[in-house]
Amino acid sequence: MLRYLPFLLVLALWIYAFVDCLNTPEEEVRGLPKVAWVIVILLFGEVLVGPVAWLIAGKNRSAATGSAGPAAPGRWVAPDDNPDFLKSLDDTKGDKDPDKNKD
C-alpha cells in the first residue's frame, strides 16, 4: 500500500491544481490565458511541472488579512464584524424598546 502513496500524492496535487484553475476567475489568472494554464496542468501534471507552476505563478494570491484589518470594498464581512449591521441592530432595538413608549 505504501508504494502507491507517491502516485496518490501526485494525483491529488494534479486534481487540486486542475480544479483550482477551473474555479479561478479569468481576471485573477497571471502569465498565460486560463485555457493555456489548463493545458499546461493537464499535459505536465504527471511530472508535477504543470501543477507546481500553476500554484507558484499562475494565480494572484492575496495575503491573508486578520480580523483587525479593514475589509476590502465589495468583500463579504460577517455580521458580527460589520459595523453597519451592528448599528442597524441598535437602531431597531431603540424602536422596539417598550420603556421608551410609556411616556
Protein backbone atom coordinates (compact mmCIF):
# COMPACT_ATOMS: atom_id res chain seq x y z
CA MET A 1 0.00 0.00 0.00
CA LEU A 2 2.83 2.39 0.80
CA ARG A 3 4.23 2.06 -2.72
CA TYR A 4 1.07 3.75 -4.07
CA LEU A 5 1.46 6.80 -1.83
CA PRO A 6 3.68 8.85 -4.20
CA PHE A 7 1.31 8.18 -7.08
CA LEU A 8 -1.69 9.22 -4.96
CA LEU A 9 0.04 12.41 -3.80
CA VAL A 10 0.89 13.37 -7.39
CA LEU A 11 -2.67 12.60 -8.45
CA ALA A 12 -4.11 14.67 -5.58
CA LEU A 13 -1.91 17.66 -6.46
CA TRP A 14 -2.82 17.29 -10.12
CA ILE A 15 -6.55 17.26 -9.39
CA TYR A 16 -6.27 20.14 -6.91
CA ALA A 17 -4.40 22.35 -9.37
CA PHE A 18 -6.82 21.50 -12.18
CA VAL A 19 -9.93 22.27 -10.14
CA ASP A 20 -8.34 25.41 -8.67
CA CYS A 21 -7.51 26.64 -12.17
CA LEU A 22 -11.04 25.97 -13.40
CA ASN A 23 -12.60 27.80 -10.44
CA THR A 24 -10.33 30.83 -10.63
CA PRO A 25 -11.87 33.89 -12.31
CA GLU A 26 -10.14 34.94 -15.53
CA GLU A 27 -9.03 38.29 -14.08
CA GLU A 28 -7.06 36.56 -11.30
CA VAL A 29 -5.00 34.39 -13.68
CA ARG A 30 -1.42 35.56 -14.30
CA GLY A 31 1.07 34.89 -17.05
CA LEU A 32 -0.96 32.85 -19.52
CA PRO A 33 -4.61 32.70 -20.50
CA LYS A 34 -6.71 30.37 -18.37
CA VAL A 35 -7.11 27.84 -21.20
CA ALA A 36 -3.33 27.66 -21.58
CA TRP A 37 -2.94 27.01 -17.86
CA VAL A 38 -5.46 24.17 -18.04
CA ILE A 39 -3.49 22.62 -20.91
CA VAL A 40 -0.18 23.04 -19.06
CA ILE A 41 -1.62 21.41 -15.94
CA LEU A 42 -3.07 18.50 -17.90
CA LEU A 43 -0.01 17.90 -20.09
CA PHE A 44 2.68 18.27 -17.43
CA GLY A 45 0.72 17.10 -14.39
CA GLU A 46 2.30 13.68 -14.19
CA VAL A 47 5.77 15.13 -13.71
CA LEU A 48 4.45 17.85 -11.32
CA VAL A 49 5.68 20.71 -13.50
CA GLY A 50 2.21 21.91 -14.50
CA PRO A 51 0.52 21.89 -11.08
CA VAL A 52 3.53 23.37 -9.31
CA ALA A 53 3.85 26.11 -11.95
CA TRP A 54 0.14 26.92 -11.52
CA LEU A 55 0.42 27.10 -7.73
CA ILE A 56 3.53 29.29 -7.84
CA ALA A 57 2.97 31.57 -10.83
CA GLY A 58 -0.50 31.09 -12.24
CA LYS A 59 -2.83 32.75 -9.77
CA ASN A 60 -2.87 36.04 -7.93
CA ARG A 61 -2.83 35.02 -4.30
CA SER A 62 -3.56 37.77 -1.82
CA ALA A 63 -2.10 37.74 1.65
CA ALA A 64 -4.50 36.66 4.35
CA THR A 65 -5.84 39.55 6.39
CA GLY A 66 -6.74 39.17 10.01
CA SER A 67 -9.89 40.48 11.62
CA ALA A 68 -8.00 43.57 12.80
CA GLY A 69 -7.54 44.90 9.26
CA PRO A 70 -10.29 46.74 7.41
CA ALA A 71 -12.35 44.73 4.97
CA ALA A 72 -11.75 45.26 1.27
CA PRO A 73 -14.61 47.01 -0.52
CA GLY A 74 -17.08 44.59 -2.04
CA ARG A 75 -15.90 41.78 0.18
CA TRP A 76 -18.32 39.89 2.40
CA VAL A 77 -18.00 40.64 6.10
CA ALA A 78 -19.50 38.53 8.86
CA PRO A 79 -22.45 40.27 10.56
CA ASP A 80 -20.72 40.45 13.93
CA ASP A 81 -17.77 42.25 12.30
CA ASN A 82 -19.87 44.60 10.18
CA PRO A 83 -20.29 48.00 11.90
CA ASP A 84 -23.26 48.93 9.69
CA PHE A 85 -25.11 45.77 10.70
CA LEU A 86 -24.38 46.32 14.39
CA LYS A 87 -25.57 49.91 14.12
CA SER A 88 -28.81 48.75 12.48
CA LEU A 89 -29.36 46.39 15.41
CA ASP A 90 -29.02 49.30 17.83
CA ASP A 91 -31.47 51.34 15.74
CA THR A 92 -34.09 48.59 15.67
CA LYS A 93 -33.57 47.89 19.36
CA GLY A 94 -34.33 51.51 20.12
CA ASP A 95 -37.56 51.37 18.08
CA LYS A 96 -38.87 48.33 19.92
CA ASP A 97 -37.94 49.38 23.44
CA PRO A 98 -41.17 49.27 25.49
CA ASP A 99 -39.84 51.68 28.13
CA LYS A 100 -39.45 54.48 25.56
CA ASN A 101 -43.14 54.50 24.59
CA LYS A 102 -44.53 54.67 28.18
CA ASP A 103 -44.40 58.50 28.45
